[in-house]
């Protein structure tokens, strides 16, 4: 009988309620602020981290999850009697964490040849961020609870990531300019005249999709892009930073335009906020 464990990392921004309800393991990224080191989701919640960012003298930095850490984890799961581990990682273009998981998988089977055929490890590169992989990870955990096979779950995830698109707007480029992880935003020079970038995450790439004038134009532009590109009647999620009013405004407009509400709302955590900043809003959906 199969015993499946769904695993992801804290860049997925999965809510605690889903983590607990569906027994999802969420691996924390290490966060460095000055000389201090923290574990995301462990040493602070999102509100506390936004305040820490605001008060920090420099941009916080994340550290990848190492191959050694994955190796220990896979060994623990094997000893606990799991038959299938499905790990879904942050975009490999933004972190070496995915490659570390693959390295650990290969090393595990070299060290444990008796596990071949009875223990399976799926390492899946989400090629995206936040709810872009948090939402399908939760859906995968639901599938596992219903008895869906690990192979079918992996197929669902790979299909989702082939079609997943995120449109998001950043209201301040303070963090994006310094992080270097959002090159399109970092190259953007219109902030002083009130232009706001609308970015698209698609197949692992972050692309400057458009520029709009003023804060009030951000949400309508995101909504329009979603309506143009979403697969008809498919689920979508809204994402936001520290301002829940932006989340609610976008959810309301999308509900009106698409004719149905979002499946869920996600607040970006430390791994994403470090690069985008806390002033952001966006939508995650399956494209046509």
C-alpha atoms as a PDB file:
ATOM      1  CA  UNK A   1       0.000   0.000   0.000  1.00  0.00           C
ATOM      2  CA  UNK A   2       1.306   3.453  -0.929  1.00  0.00           C
ATOM      3  CA  UNK A   3       2.275   5.965   1.710  1.00  0.00           C
ATOM      4  CA  UNK A   4       2.843   9.352   0.070  1.00  0.00           C
ATOM      5  CA  UNK A   5       4.473  12.430   1.593  1.00  0.00           C
ATOM      6  CA  UNK A   6       4.066  15.817  -0.088  1.00  0.00           C
ATOM      7  CA  UNK A   7       6.976  18.159   0.581  1.00  0.00           C
ATOM      8  CA  UNK A   8       7.714  21.722  -0.474  1.00  0.00           C
ATOM      9  CA  UNK A   9       9.625  24.745   0.791  1.00  0.00           C
ATOM     10  CA  UNK A  10       8.605  27.990   2.419  1.00  0.00           C
ATOM     11  CA  UNK A  11       8.684  29.934  -0.849  1.00  0.00           C
ATOM     12  CA  UNK A  12       5.344  28.280  -1.616  1.00  0.00           C
ATOM     13  CA  UNK A  13       3.614  30.507   0.988  1.00  0.00           C
ATOM     14  CA  UNK A  14       1.210  27.732   1.975  1.00  0.00           C
ATOM     15  CA  UNK A  15      -1.071  28.709   4.856  1.00  0.00           C
ATOM     16  CA  UNK A  16      -0.511  26.999   8.185  1.00  0.00           C
ATOM     17  CA  UNK A  17      -4.027  25.600   8.104  1.00  0.00           C
ATOM     18  CA  UNK A  18      -3.322  23.736   4.863  1.00  0.00           C
ATOM     19  CA  UNK A  19       0.109  22.614   6.029  1.00  0.00           C
ATOM     20  CA  UNK A  20      -1.458  21.027   9.117  1.00  0.00           C
ATOM     21  CA  UNK A  21      -4.709  19.782   7.591  1.00  0.00           C
ATOM     22  CA  UNK A  22      -3.079  17.924   4.701  1.00  0.00           C
ATOM     23  CA  UNK A  23       0.150  16.926   6.478  1.00  0.00           C
ATOM     24  CA  UNK A  24       2.412  18.828   4.074  1.00  0.00           C
ATOM     25  CA  UNK A  25       6.046  19.230   5.070  1.00  0.00           C
ATOM     26  CA  UNK A  26       7.169  22.808   4.387  1.00  0.00           C
ATOM     27  CA  UNK A  27      10.950  23.157   4.563  1.00  0.00           C
ATOM     28  CA  UNK A  28      12.079  26.564   5.841  1.00  0.00           C
ATOM     29  CA  UNK A  29      14.597  28.698   4.007  1.00  0.00           C
ATOM     30  CA  UNK A  30      17.316  30.300   6.094  1.00  0.00           C
ATOM     31  CA  UNK A  31      17.103  34.084   6.172  1.00  0.00           C
ATOM     32  CA  UNK A  32      20.052  36.322   7.082  1.00  0.00           C
ATOM     33  CA  UNK A  33      19.500  39.894   8.240  1.00  0.00           C
ATOM     34  CA  UNK A  34      22.817  41.497   9.011  1.00  0.00           C
ATOM     35  CA  UNK A  35      24.690  39.148  11.335  1.00  0.00           C
ATOM     36  CA  UNK A  36      21.546  37.360  12.482  1.00  0.00           C
ATOM     37  CA  UNK A  37      20.210  34.138  10.928  1.00  0.00           C
ATOM     38  CA  UNK A  38      16.595  32.970  11.056  1.00  0.00           C
ATOM     39  CA  UNK A  39      14.368  30.211   9.729  1.00  0.00           C
ATOM     40  CA  UNK A  40      11.365  31.411   7.728  1.00  0.00           C
ATOM     41  CA  UNK A  41       7.971  30.350   9.142  1.00  0.00           C
ATOM     42  CA  UNK A  42       9.763  29.253  12.321  1.00  0.00           C
ATOM     43  CA  UNK A  43      11.337  32.352  13.858  1.00  0.00           C
ATOM     44  CA  UNK A  44       8.817  34.896  12.580  1.00  0.00           C
ATOM     45  CA  UNK A  45       5.454  35.231  10.861  1.00  0.00           C
ATOM     46  CA  UNK A  46       4.881  37.377   7.783  1.00  0.00           C
ATOM     47  CA  UNK A  47       3.879  40.510   9.678  1.00  0.00           C
ATOM     48  CA  UNK A  48       6.991  40.294  11.842  1.00  0.00           C
ATOM     49  CA  UNK A  49       9.189  39.761   8.799  1.00  0.00           C
ATOM     50  CA  UNK A  50       7.770  42.774   6.964  1.00  0.00           C
ATOM     51  CA  UNK A  51       8.638  44.871  10.006  1.00  0.00           C
ATOM     52  CA  UNK A  52      12.124  43.358  10.148  1.00  0.00           C
ATOM     53  CA  UNK A  53      12.638  44.230   6.479  1.00  0.00           C
ATOM     54  CA  UNK A  54      11.566  47.796   7.057  1.00  0.00           C
ATOM     55  CA  UNK A  55      13.953  48.235   9.971  1.00  0.00           C
ATOM     56  CA  UNK A  56      16.930  46.417   8.439  1.00  0.00           C
ATOM     57  CA  UNK A  57      19.934  48.395   7.201  1.00  0.00           C
ATOM     58  CA  UNK A  58      20.379  46.043   4.262  1.00  0.00           C
ATOM     59  CA  UNK A  59      18.288  43.688   2.153  1.00  0.00           C
ATOM     60  CA  UNK A  60      17.821  40.282   3.870  1.00  0.00           C
ATOM     61  CA  UNK A  61      19.294  37.279   2.090  1.00  0.00           C
ATOM     62  CA  UNK A  62      18.088  33.694   1.679  1.00  0.00           C
ATOM     63  CA  UNK A  63      20.167  30.519   1.718  1.00  0.00           C
ATOM     64  CA  UNK A  64      19.357  27.433  -0.327  1.00  0.00           C
ATOM     65  CA  UNK A  65      18.349  24.165   1.275  1.00  0.00           C
ATOM     66  CA  UNK A  66      21.428  21.969   0.956  1.00  0.00           C
ATOM     67  CA  UNK A  67      21.847  18.508  -0.551  1.00  0.00           C
ATOM     68  CA  UNK A  68      22.960  17.263   2.857  1.00  0.00           C
ATOM     69  CA  UNK A  69      19.711  18.467   4.424  1.00  0.00           C
ATOM     70  CA  UNK A  70      17.679  16.770   1.697  1.00  0.00           C
ATOM     71  CA  UNK A  71      19.680  13.587   2.130  1.00  0.00           C
ATOM     72  CA  UNK A  72      18.903  13.428   5.830  1.00  0.00           C
ATOM     73  CA  UNK A  73      15.249  14.137   5.104  1.00  0.00           C
ATOM     74  CA  UNK A  74      14.934  11.413   2.472  1.00  0.00           C
ATOM     75  CA  UNK A  75      16.573   8.961   4.860  1.00  0.00           C
ATOM     76  CA  UNK A  76      14.081   9.840   7.579  1.00  0.00           C
ATOM     77  CA  UNK A  77      11.123   9.350   5.242  1.00  0.00           C
ATOM     78  CA  UNK A  78      12.471   5.972   4.128  1.00  0.00           C
ATOM     79  CA  UNK A  79      12.805   4.835   7.723  1.00  0.00           C
ATOM     80  CA  UNK A  80       9.256   6.003   8.456  1.00  0.00           C
ATOM     81  CA  UNK A  81       7.887   3.669   5.797  1.00  0.00           C
ATOM     82  CA  UNK A  82       6.919   6.133   3.088  1.00  0.00           C
ATOM     83  CA  UNK A  83       6.793   4.685  -0.416  1.00  0.00           C
ATOM     84  CA  UNK A  84       6.697   7.955  -2.355  1.00  0.00           C
ATOM     85  CA  UNK A  85       8.125  11.415  -1.674  1.00  0.00           C
ATOM     86  CA  UNK A  86       7.024  14.274  -3.901  1.00  0.00           C
ATOM     87  CA  UNK A  87       9.130  17.386  -3.376  1.00  0.00           C
ATOM     88  CA  UNK A  88       8.139  20.579  -5.219  1.00  0.00           C
ATOM     89  CA  UNK A  89      10.742  23.336  -5.199  1.00  0.00           C
ATOM     90  CA  UNK A  90      11.009  27.050  -5.693  1.00  0.00           C
ATOM     91  CA  UNK A  91      11.877  28.145  -9.246  1.00  0.00           C
ATOM     92  CA  UNK A  92      15.311  26.722 -10.063  1.00  0.00           C
ATOM     93  CA  UNK A  93      16.170  29.994 -11.829  1.00  0.00           C
ATOM     94  CA  UNK A  94      16.049  31.707  -8.439  1.00  0.00           C
ATOM     95  CA  UNK A  95      17.648  29.075  -6.214  1.00  0.00           C
ATOM     96  CA  UNK A  96      19.883  25.999  -6.380  1.00  0.00           C
ATOM     97  CA  UNK A  97      17.528  24.214  -3.994  1.00  0.00           C
ATOM     98  CA  UNK A  98      15.926  22.102  -6.729  1.00  0.00           C
ATOM     99  CA  UNK A  99      19.308  20.886  -7.990  1.00  0.00           C
ATOM    100  CA  UNK A 100      20.344  20.084  -4.434  1.00  0.00           C
ATOM    101  CA  UNK A 101      17.262  17.900  -4.033  1.00  0.00           C
ATOM    102  CA  UNK A 102      18.127  16.016  -7.240  1.00  0.00           C
ATOM    103  CA  UNK A 103      21.710  15.524  -6.073  1.00  0.00           C
ATOM    104  CA  UNK A 104      20.466  14.222  -2.725  1.00  0.00           C
ATOM    105  CA  UNK A 105      18.072  11.835  -4.460  1.00  0.00           C
ATOM    106  CA  UNK A 106      20.858  10.364  -6.578  1.00  0.00           C
ATOM    107  CA  UNK A 107      23.135  10.009  -3.569  1.00  0.00           C
ATOM    108  CA  UNK A 108      20.381   8.403  -1.501  1.00  0.00           C
ATOM    109  CA  UNK A 109      19.883   5.572  -3.992  1.00  0.00           C
ATOM    110  CA  UNK A 110      23.641   5.089  -4.335  1.00  0.00           C
ATOM    111  CA  UNK A 111      23.827   4.651  -0.573  1.00  0.00           C
ATOM    112  CA  UNK A 112      20.594   2.631  -0.331  1.00  0.00           C
ATOM    113  CA  UNK A 113      20.337   0.328  -3.357  1.00  0.00           C
ATOM    114  CA  UNK A 114      17.818  -1.809  -1.441  1.00  0.00           C
ATOM    115  CA  UNK A 115      15.365   1.124  -1.671  1.00  0.00           C
ATOM    116  CA  UNK A 116      15.225   0.997  -5.480  1.00  0.00           C
ATOM    117  CA  UNK A 117      11.794  -0.162  -6.592  1.00  0.00           C
ATOM    118  CA  UNK A 118      10.155   0.240  -3.197  1.00  0.00           C
ATOM    119  CA  UNK A 119      10.857   3.913  -2.470  1.00  0.00           C
ATOM    120  CA  UNK A 120      10.321   6.687  -5.008  1.00  0.00           C
ATOM    121  CA  UNK A 121      11.456  10.297  -4.855  1.00  0.00           C
ATOM    122  CA  UNK A 122       9.977  12.844  -7.261  1.00  0.00           C
ATOM    123  CA  UNK A 123      11.867  16.146  -7.401  1.00  0.00           C
ATOM    124  CA  UNK A 124       9.808  18.698  -9.319  1.00  0.00           C
ATOM    125  CA  UNK A 125      10.964  22.175 -10.322  1.00  0.00           C
ATOM    126  CA  UNK A 126       7.950  24.471 -10.052  1.00  0.00           C
ATOM    127  CA  UNK A 127       9.551  27.148 -12.271  1.00  0.00           C
ATOM    128  CA  UNK A 128       7.531  29.684 -10.300  1.00  0.00           C
ATOM    129  CA  UNK A 129       6.950  31.285  -6.909  1.00  0.00           C
ATOM    130  CA  UNK A 130       4.442  31.611  -4.075  1.00  0.00           C
ATOM    131  CA  UNK A 131       0.921  30.377  -4.888  1.00  0.00           C
ATOM    132  CA  UNK A 132       2.196  29.388  -8.323  1.00  0.00           C
ATOM    133  CA  UNK A 133       3.330  26.198  -6.624  1.00  0.00           C
ATOM    134  CA  UNK A 134       1.689  26.542  -3.226  1.00  0.00           C
ATOM    135  CA  UNK A 135      -1.780  26.058  -4.707  1.00  0.00           C
ATOM    136  CA  UNK A 136      -1.003  22.873  -6.717  1.00  0.00           C
ATOM    137  CA  UNK A 137       0.966  21.458  -3.783  1.00  0.00           C
ATOM    138  CA  UNK A 138      -2.141  21.759  -1.597  1.00  0.00           C
ATOM    139  CA  UNK A 139      -4.222  20.198  -4.357  1.00  0.00           C
ATOM    140  CA  UNK A 140      -1.671  17.379  -4.592  1.00  0.00           C
ATOM    141  CA  UNK A 141      -1.938  16.720  -0.871  1.00  0.00           C
ATOM    142  CA  UNK A 142      -5.713  16.515  -1.234  1.00  0.00           C
ATOM    143  CA  UNK A 143      -5.240  14.001  -4.044  1.00  0.00           C
ATOM    144  CA  UNK A 144      -2.892  11.913  -1.904  1.00  0.00           C
ATOM    145  CA  UNK A 145      -5.469  11.835   0.894  1.00  0.00           C
ATOM    146  CA  UNK A 146      -8.018  10.525  -1.620  1.00  0.00           C
ATOM    147  CA  UNK A 147      -5.732   7.678  -2.655  1.00  0.00           C
ATOM    148  CA  UNK A 148      -4.502   9.042  -5.984  1.00  0.00           C
ATOM    149  CA  UNK A 149      -1.182   7.457  -6.976  1.00  0.00           C
ATOM    150  CA  UNK A 150       2.097   9.349  -6.704  1.00  0.00           C
ATOM    151  CA  UNK A 151       2.617   8.956 -10.448  1.00  0.00           C
ATOM    152  CA  UNK A 152      -0.708  10.648 -11.212  1.00  0.00           C
ATOM    153  CA  UNK A 153       0.007  13.419  -8.722  1.00  0.00           C
ATOM    154  CA  UNK A 154       3.404  14.067 -10.317  1.00  0.00           C
ATOM    155  CA  UNK A 155       1.756  14.209 -13.740  1.00  0.00           C
ATOM    156  CA  UNK A 156      -0.768  16.744 -12.450  1.00  0.00           C
ATOM    157  CA  UNK A 157       2.026  18.911 -11.043  1.00  0.00           C
ATOM    158  CA  UNK A 158       4.137  18.820 -14.192  1.00  0.00           C
ATOM    159  CA  UNK A 159       1.091  19.734 -16.290  1.00  0.00           C
ATOM    160  CA  UNK A 160       0.211  22.632 -13.978  1.00  0.00           C
ATOM    161  CA  UNK A 161       3.724  24.064 -14.148  1.00  0.00           C
ATOM    162  CA  UNK A 162       3.723  23.895 -17.937  1.00  0.00           C
ATOM    163  CA  UNK A 163       0.698  26.218 -17.967  1.00  0.00           C
ATOM    164  CA  UNK A 164       1.067  28.282 -14.783  1.00  0.00           C
ATOM    165  CA  UNK A 165       1.357  32.056 -15.186  1.00  0.00           C
ATOM    166  CA  UNK A 166       1.627  34.809 -12.597  1.00  0.00           C
ATOM    167  CA  UNK A 167       0.943  38.485 -13.253  1.00  0.00           C
ATOM    168  CA  UNK A 168       1.912  40.821 -10.440  1.00  0.00           C
ATOM    169  CA  UNK A 169       2.499  44.470  -9.780  1.00  0.00           C
ATOM    170  CA  UNK A 170       5.098  46.041  -7.506  1.00  0.00           C
ATOM    171  CA  UNK A 171       4.270  49.361  -5.894  1.00  0.00           C
ATOM    172  CA  UNK A 172       7.839  50.079  -4.787  1.00  0.00           C
ATOM    173  CA  UNK A 173      11.084  48.958  -6.414  1.00  0.00           C
ATOM    174  CA  UNK A 174      13.167  49.501  -3.285  1.00  0.00           C
ATOM    175  CA  UNK A 175      13.784  45.776  -2.806  1.00  0.00           C
ATOM    176  CA  UNK A 176      13.579  44.595  -6.418  1.00  0.00           C
ATOM    177  CA  UNK A 177      16.338  46.982  -7.472  1.00  0.00           C
ATOM    178  CA  UNK A 178      18.735  45.702  -4.825  1.00  0.00           C
ATOM    179  CA  UNK A 179      17.936  42.002  -4.846  1.00  0.00           C
ATOM    180  CA  UNK A 180      18.936  41.363  -8.458  1.00  0.00           C
ATOM    181  CA  UNK A 181      16.451  38.486  -8.646  1.00  0.00           C
ATOM    182  CA  UNK A 182      13.926  40.520 -10.647  1.00  0.00           C
ATOM    183  CA  UNK A 183      16.032  41.840 -13.523  1.00  0.00           C
ATOM    184  CA  UNK A 184      13.142  43.301 -15.476  1.00  0.00           C
ATOM    185  CA  UNK A 185      12.052  45.334 -12.481  1.00  0.00           C
ATOM    186  CA  UNK A 186      15.596  46.284 -11.565  1.00  0.00           C
ATOM    187  CA  UNK A 187      16.105  47.765 -15.043  1.00  0.00           C
ATOM    188  CA  UNK A 188      12.907  49.733 -14.830  1.00  0.00           C
ATOM    189  CA  UNK A 189      13.523  53.493 -14.526  1.00  0.00           C
ATOM    190  CA  UNK A 190      10.044  55.026 -14.353  1.00  0.00           C
ATOM    191  CA  UNK A 191       9.465  54.983 -10.610  1.00  0.00           C
ATOM    192  CA  UNK A 192      10.049  58.702 -10.112  1.00  0.00           C
ATOM    193  CA  UNK A 193       7.326  59.636 -12.603  1.00  0.00           C
ATOM    194  CA  UNK A 194       4.742  57.304 -11.111  1.00  0.00           C
ATOM    195  CA  UNK A 195       5.011  54.343 -13.463  1.00  0.00           C
ATOM    196  CA  UNK A 196       4.481  50.889 -11.987  1.00  0.00           C
ATOM    197  CA  UNK A 197       5.791  47.651 -13.536  1.00  0.00           C
ATOM    198  CA  UNK A 198       3.490  44.727 -14.289  1.00  0.00           C
ATOM    199  CA  UNK A 199       5.547  41.554 -14.400  1.00  0.00           C
ATOM    200  CA  UNK A 200       4.823  38.072 -15.689  1.00  0.00           C
ATOM    201  CA  UNK A 201       6.325  34.829 -14.410  1.00  0.00           C
ATOM    202  CA  UNK A 202       6.122  32.169 -17.079  1.00  0.00           C
ATOM    203  CA  UNK A 203       8.228  28.984 -17.506  1.00  0.00           C
ATOM    204  CA  UNK A 204      10.718  30.143 -14.913  1.00  0.00           C
ATOM    205  CA  UNK A 205      11.319  33.577 -16.411  1.00  0.00           C
ATOM    206  CA  UNK A 206      10.371  36.951 -14.951  1.00  0.00           C
ATOM    207  CA  UNK A 207       9.376  39.341 -17.722  1.00  0.00           C
ATOM    208  CA  UNK A 208       8.422  42.996 -17.684  1.00  0.00           C
ATOM    209  CA  UNK A 209       4.978  42.786 -19.279  1.00  0.00           C
ATOM    210  CA  UNK A 210       3.860  46.409 -19.127  1.00  0.00           C
ATOM    211  CA  UNK A 211       4.136  49.740 -17.330  1.00  0.00           C
ATOM    212  CA  UNK A 212       1.107  51.561 -15.954  1.00  0.00           C
ATOM    213  CA  UNK A 213       0.822  55.063 -14.581  1.00  0.00           C
ATOM    214  CA  UNK A 214      -0.097  55.318 -10.913  1.00  0.00           C
ATOM    215  CA  UNK A 215      -1.026  52.845  -8.198  1.00  0.00           C
ATOM    216  CA  UNK A 216      -4.687  52.811  -9.174  1.00  0.00           C
ATOM    217  CA  UNK A 217      -3.916  51.311 -12.590  1.00  0.00           C
ATOM    218  CA  UNK A 218      -2.098  48.230 -11.268  1.00  0.00           C
ATOM    219  CA  UNK A 219      -5.066  46.049 -10.300  1.00  0.00           C
ATOM    220  CA  UNK A 220      -7.149  46.760 -13.437  1.00  0.00           C
ATOM    221  CA  UNK A 221      -4.144  45.901 -15.620  1.00  0.00           C
ATOM    222  CA  UNK A 222      -3.502  42.616 -13.792  1.00  0.00           C
ATOM    223  CA  UNK A 223      -7.184  41.734 -14.036  1.00  0.00           C
ATOM    224  CA  UNK A 224      -7.228  42.437 -17.765  1.00  0.00           C
ATOM    225  CA  UNK A 225      -4.153  40.288 -18.387  1.00  0.00           C
ATOM    226  CA  UNK A 226      -5.682  37.425 -16.417  1.00  0.00           C
ATOM    227  CA  UNK A 227      -8.987  37.626 -18.297  1.00  0.00           C
ATOM    228  CA  UNK A 228      -7.159  37.560 -21.634  1.00  0.00           C
ATOM    229  CA  UNK A 229      -5.012  34.534 -20.836  1.00  0.00           C
ATOM    230  CA  UNK A 230      -6.731  32.280 -18.293  1.00  0.00           C
ATOM    231  CA  UNK A 231      -8.011  28.859 -19.293  1.00  0.00           C
ATOM    232  CA  UNK A 232     -11.797  29.151 -19.201  1.00  0.00           C
ATOM    233  CA  UNK A 233     -13.372  28.325 -15.832  1.00  0.00           C
ATOM    234  CA  UNK A 234     -10.077  27.123 -14.352  1.00  0.00           C
ATOM    235  CA  UNK A 235      -9.116  27.917 -10.732  1.00  0.00           C
ATOM    236  CA  UNK A 236      -7.014  30.941  -9.882  1.00  0.00           C
ATOM    237  CA  UNK A 237      -5.520  32.488  -6.732  1.00  0.00           C
ATOM    238  CA  UNK A 238      -4.688  36.021  -5.695  1.00  0.00           C
ATOM    239  CA  UNK A 239      -1.431  36.892  -3.954  1.00  0.00           C
ATOM    240  CA  UNK A 240      -0.484  39.958  -1.965  1.00  0.00           C
ATOM    241  CA  UNK A 241       2.090  41.404   0.381  1.00  0.00           C
ATOM    242  CA  UNK A 242       1.294  43.157   3.618  1.00  0.00           C
ATOM    243  CA  UNK A 243      -1.723  45.130   2.310  1.00  0.00           C
ATOM    244  CA  UNK A 244      -4.795  42.874   2.457  1.00  0.00           C
ATOM    245  CA  UNK A 245      -6.933  45.636   0.919  1.00  0.00           C
ATOM    246  CA  UNK A 246      -5.079  45.190  -2.374  1.00  0.00           C
ATOM    247  CA  UNK A 247      -5.822  41.450  -2.195  1.00  0.00           C
ATOM    248  CA  UNK A 248      -9.520  42.120  -1.628  1.00  0.00           C
ATOM    249  CA  UNK A 249      -9.714  44.698  -4.421  1.00  0.00           C
ATOM    250  CA  UNK A 250      -8.101  42.349  -6.923  1.00  0.00           C
ATOM    251  CA  UNK A 251     -10.264  39.416  -5.822  1.00  0.00           C
ATOM    252  CA  UNK A 252     -13.413  41.507  -6.209  1.00  0.00           C
ATOM    253  CA  UNK A 253     -12.480  42.770  -9.669  1.00  0.00           C
ATOM    254  CA  UNK A 254     -11.455  39.323 -10.909  1.00  0.00           C
ATOM    255  CA  UNK A 255     -14.674  37.819  -9.549  1.00  0.00           C
ATOM    256  CA  UNK A 256     -16.619  40.389 -11.539  1.00  0.00           C
ATOM    257  CA  UNK A 257     -14.604  40.024 -14.734  1.00  0.00           C
ATOM    258  CA  UNK A 258     -14.332  36.220 -14.739  1.00  0.00           C
ATOM    259  CA  UNK A 259     -17.705  35.493 -13.171  1.00  0.00           C
ATOM    260  CA  UNK A 260     -16.389  33.394 -10.266  1.00  0.00           C
ATOM    261  CA  UNK A 261     -14.197  34.020  -7.201  1.00  0.00           C
ATOM    262  CA  UNK A 262     -10.592  32.970  -6.594  1.00  0.00           C
ATOM    263  CA  UNK A 263      -9.973  29.522  -5.166  1.00  0.00           C
ATOM    264  CA  UNK A 264      -7.718  30.953  -2.482  1.00  0.00           C
ATOM    265  CA  UNK A 265      -5.564  33.905  -1.436  1.00  0.00           C
ATOM    266  CA  UNK A 266      -1.887  33.713  -0.535  1.00  0.00           C
ATOM    267  CA  UNK A 267       0.282  36.197   1.324  1.00  0.00           C
ATOM    268  CA  UNK A 268       3.880  36.273   0.174  1.00  0.00           C
ATOM    269  CA  UNK A 269       6.400  35.291   2.819  1.00  0.00           C
ATOM    270  CA  UNK A 270      10.068  35.982   3.352  1.00  0.00           C
ATOM    271  CA  UNK A 271      11.500  34.086   0.348  1.00  0.00           C
ATOM    272  CA  UNK A 272       9.437  36.117  -2.122  1.00  0.00           C
ATOM    273  CA  UNK A 273       9.179  39.413  -0.222  1.00  0.00           C
ATOM    274  CA  UNK A 274      12.974  39.735  -0.073  1.00  0.00           C
ATOM    275  CA  UNK A 275      13.004  40.132  -3.858  1.00  0.00           C
ATOM    276  CA  UNK A 276       9.655  41.763  -4.601  1.00  0.00           C
ATOM    277  CA  UNK A 277       9.166  43.752  -1.409  1.00  0.00           C
ATOM    278  CA  UNK A 278       6.054  43.758   0.778  1.00  0.00           C
ATOM    279  CA  UNK A 279       4.080  46.074  -1.514  1.00  0.00           C
ATOM    280  CA  UNK A 280       2.863  43.724  -4.227  1.00  0.00           C
ATOM    281  CA  UNK A 281      -0.297  42.122  -5.560  1.00  0.00           C
ATOM    282  CA  UNK A 282      -0.914  39.540  -8.240  1.00  0.00           C
ATOM    283  CA  UNK A 283      -2.835  36.603  -9.655  1.00  0.00           C
ATOM    284  CA  UNK A 284      -1.844  32.983 -10.333  1.00  0.00           C
ATOM    285  CA  UNK A 285      -3.706  30.981 -12.960  1.00  0.00           C
ATOM    286  CA  UNK A 286      -3.551  28.290 -15.608  1.00  0.00           C
ATOM    287  CA  UNK A 287      -3.082  29.805 -19.044  1.00  0.00           C
ATOM    288  CA  UNK A 288      -4.865  28.795 -22.230  1.00  0.00           C
END
